[in-house]
C-alpha atoms as a PDB file:
ATOM      1  CA  MET A   1      99.702  87.277 144.389  1.00  0.00           C
ATOM      2  CA  GLN A   2     103.024  86.126 144.064  1.00  0.00           C
ATOM      3  CA  THR A   3     103.216  82.298 145.440  1.00  0.00           C
ATOM      4  CA  ASP A   4     104.835  83.283 148.274  1.00  0.00           C
ATOM      5  CA  GLY A   5     102.001  85.494 148.925  1.00  0.00           C
ATOM      6  CA  SER A   6     103.012  88.434 148.473  1.00  0.00           C
ATOM      7  CA  LEU A   7     100.726  91.007 146.027  1.00  0.00           C
ATOM      8  CA  GLU A   8     103.270  91.658 143.131  1.00  0.00           C
ATOM      9  CA  ASP A   9     102.026  93.601 139.484  1.00  0.00           C
ATOM     10  CA  SER A  10     101.362  90.565 136.740  1.00  0.00           C
ATOM     11  CA  TRP A  11     103.034  91.137 133.945  1.00  0.00           C
ATOM     12  CA  THR A  12     102.359  89.770 131.137  1.00  0.00           C
ATOM     13  CA  HIS A  13     103.951  89.988 127.516  1.00  0.00           C
ATOM     14  CA  TYR A  14     101.528  88.418 124.032  1.00  0.00           C
ATOM     15  CA  PHE A  15     103.018  86.797 121.474  1.00  0.00           C
ATOM     16  CA  GLU A  16     100.606  85.444 118.409  1.00  0.00           C
ATOM     17  CA  VAL A  17     101.283  83.967 114.948  1.00  0.00           C
ATOM     18  CA  SER A  18      97.899  84.338 112.590  1.00  0.00           C
ATOM     19  CA  SER A  19      97.262  83.694 108.797  1.00  0.00           C
ATOM     20  CA  LYS A  20      94.413  83.999 106.273  1.00  0.00           C
ATOM     21  CA  VAL A  21      93.554  80.447 105.386  1.00  0.00           C
ATOM     22  CA  TRP A  22      90.598  81.867 102.969  1.00  0.00           C
ATOM     23  CA  GLU A  23      88.984  84.800 101.553  1.00  0.00           C
ATOM     24  CA  LYS A  24      86.104  85.182  99.113  1.00  0.00           C
ATOM     25  CA  GLY A  25      84.384  88.527  98.473  1.00  0.00           C
ATOM     26  CA  ASP A  26      83.675  90.311 101.303  1.00  0.00           C
ATOM     27  CA  SER A  27      84.583  87.087 103.696  1.00  0.00           C
ATOM     28  CA  SER A  28      87.579  86.120 105.331  1.00  0.00           C
ATOM     29  CA  LEU A  29      88.923  83.233 107.469  1.00  0.00           C
ATOM     30  CA  SER A  30      92.345  83.413 110.188  1.00  0.00           C
ATOM     31  CA  LEU A  31      93.694  80.729 112.286  1.00  0.00           C
ATOM     32  CA  PHE A  32      96.076  81.859 115.051  1.00  0.00           C
ATOM     33  CA  ALA A  33      97.550  80.404 118.349  1.00  0.00           C
ATOM     34  CA  GLY A  34      99.153  82.418 121.257  1.00  0.00           C
ATOM     35  CA  GLY A  35     101.276  82.639 123.576  1.00  0.00           C
ATOM     36  CA  ALA A  36     101.655  84.597 127.588  1.00  0.00           C
ATOM     37  CA  TRP A  37     104.773  85.309 129.339  1.00  0.00           C
ATOM     38  CA  SER A  38     106.244  87.312 131.770  1.00  0.00           C
ATOM     39  CA  PHE A  39     109.986  88.011 132.255  1.00  0.00           C
ATOM     40  CA  VAL A  40     109.298  89.374 135.317  1.00  0.00           C
ATOM     41  CA  THR A  41     106.571  88.258 137.602  1.00  0.00           C
ATOM     42  CA  ASP A  42     106.288  84.839 138.167  1.00  0.00           C
ATOM     43  CA  LYS A  43     102.820  84.200 136.773  1.00  0.00           C
ATOM     44  CA  THR A  44     100.651  86.313 133.779  1.00  0.00           C
ATOM     45  CA  PHE A  45      97.341  87.962 134.078  1.00  0.00           C
ATOM     46  CA  TYR A  46      96.373  84.828 131.696  1.00  0.00           C
ATOM     47  CA  THR A  47      98.446  81.579 132.933  1.00  0.00           C
ATOM     48  CA  GLU A  48      99.721  80.053 136.489  1.00  0.00           C
ATOM     49  CA  GLY A  49     102.510  79.772 135.641  1.00  0.00           C
ATOM     50  CA  ALA A  50     105.360  82.021 133.944  1.00  0.00           C
ATOM     51  CA  GLY A  51     104.338  81.124 130.743  1.00  0.00           C
ATOM     52  CA  ASN A  52     101.755  78.964 128.583  1.00  0.00           C
ATOM     53  CA  LEU A  53     100.166  78.779 125.208  1.00  0.00           C
ATOM     54  CA  ILE A  54      97.091  80.597 125.781  1.00  0.00           C
ATOM     55  CA  ASN A  55      95.255  80.935 122.620  1.00  0.00           C
ATOM     56  CA  VAL A  56      95.050  77.603 121.128  1.00  0.00           C
ATOM     57  CA  GLY A  57      92.698  76.938 117.844  1.00  0.00           C
ATOM     58  CA  GLY A  58      91.935  80.437 117.479  1.00  0.00           C
ATOM     59  CA  ALA A  59      89.656  81.037 114.644  1.00  0.00           C
ATOM     60  CA  THR A  60      88.672  84.328 112.960  1.00  0.00           C
ATOM     61  CA  PHE A  61      85.509  85.114 110.215  1.00  0.00           C
ATOM     62  CA  ASN A  62      85.037  88.283 108.788  1.00  0.00           C
ATOM     63  CA  LYS A  63      82.549  89.794 106.793  1.00  0.00           C
ATOM     64  CA  ASN A  64      81.647  93.392 105.640  1.00  0.00           C
ATOM     65  CA  VAL A  65      77.369  93.135 105.641  1.00  0.00           C
ATOM     66  CA  LYS A  66      76.121  96.220 103.651  1.00  0.00           C
ATOM     67  CA  LEU A  67      72.937  97.668 104.786  1.00  0.00           C
ATOM     68  CA  GLY A  68      71.974 100.487 102.311  1.00  0.00           C
ATOM     69  CA  THR A  69      74.575 102.009 101.289  1.00  0.00           C
ATOM     70  CA  TYR A  70      76.924 101.267 104.415  1.00  0.00           C
ATOM     71  CA  ASN A  71      79.403  98.663 105.017  1.00  0.00           C
ATOM     72  CA  LEU A  72      79.434  97.384 108.511  1.00  0.00           C
ATOM     73  CA  PRO A  73      82.472  95.162 108.811  1.00  0.00           C
ATOM     74  CA  ILE A  74      81.507  92.026 111.140  1.00  0.00           C
ATOM     75  CA  GLY A  75      84.371  89.670 112.827  1.00  0.00           C
ATOM     76  CA  VAL A  76      83.343  86.291 115.182  1.00  0.00           C
ATOM     77  CA  THR A  77      86.615  85.411 116.622  1.00  0.00           C
ATOM     78  CA  ALA A  78      86.439  82.129 118.814  1.00  0.00           C
ATOM     79  CA  MET A  79      89.273  81.056 121.132  1.00  0.00           C
ATOM     80  CA  TRP A  80      90.445  77.931 123.176  1.00  0.00           C
ATOM     81  CA  ASN A  81      92.499  78.552 125.900  1.00  0.00           C
ATOM     82  CA  PRO A  82      93.770  75.053 127.499  1.00  0.00           C
ATOM     83  CA  GLU A  83      95.349  75.990 130.257  1.00  0.00           C
ATOM     84  CA  LYS A  84      92.022  77.684 131.822  1.00  0.00           C
ATOM     85  CA  GLU A  85      89.968  75.481 130.044  1.00  0.00           C
ATOM     86  CA  LYS A  86      87.701  78.388 128.753  1.00  0.00           C
ATOM     87  CA  THR A  87      86.150  78.927 125.863  1.00  0.00           C
ATOM     88  CA  VAL A  88      85.310  82.457 124.680  1.00  0.00           C
ATOM     89  CA  LEU A  89      83.719  84.028 121.361  1.00  0.00           C
ATOM     90  CA  GLN A  90      83.726  87.361 120.720  1.00  0.00           C
ATOM     91  CA  VAL A  91      81.572  89.476 117.994  1.00  0.00           C
ATOM     92  CA  ASP A  92      83.344  92.480 117.093  1.00  0.00           C
ATOM     93  CA  PHE A  93      81.560  95.368 114.808  1.00  0.00           C
ATOM     94  CA  THR A  94      83.447  98.167 113.602  1.00  0.00           C
ATOM     95  CA  ILE A  95      80.865 101.639 113.292  1.00  0.00           C
ATOM     96  CA  PHE A  96      83.378 104.390 112.702  1.00  0.00           C
END
């Protein structure tokens, strides 16, 4: 919903800067920060305004876990959205 009360699609553009800061064997750590903005609407899907930093202090730890003869890539990501005051912890498994 827009500030004038009308319903409209919430278009979001997203930009992220990420860098691997540590790697040893089959493990690595990357840090990132990202922001969302919209050229089309008054707000984005992630923000209350037209733009803001939405991922601050994000970190992803990746590791290949050996299960018999199979390597299972696992990733754990922690991120914080200061505008929404929410922290998210995400766990990823790649099975194919």
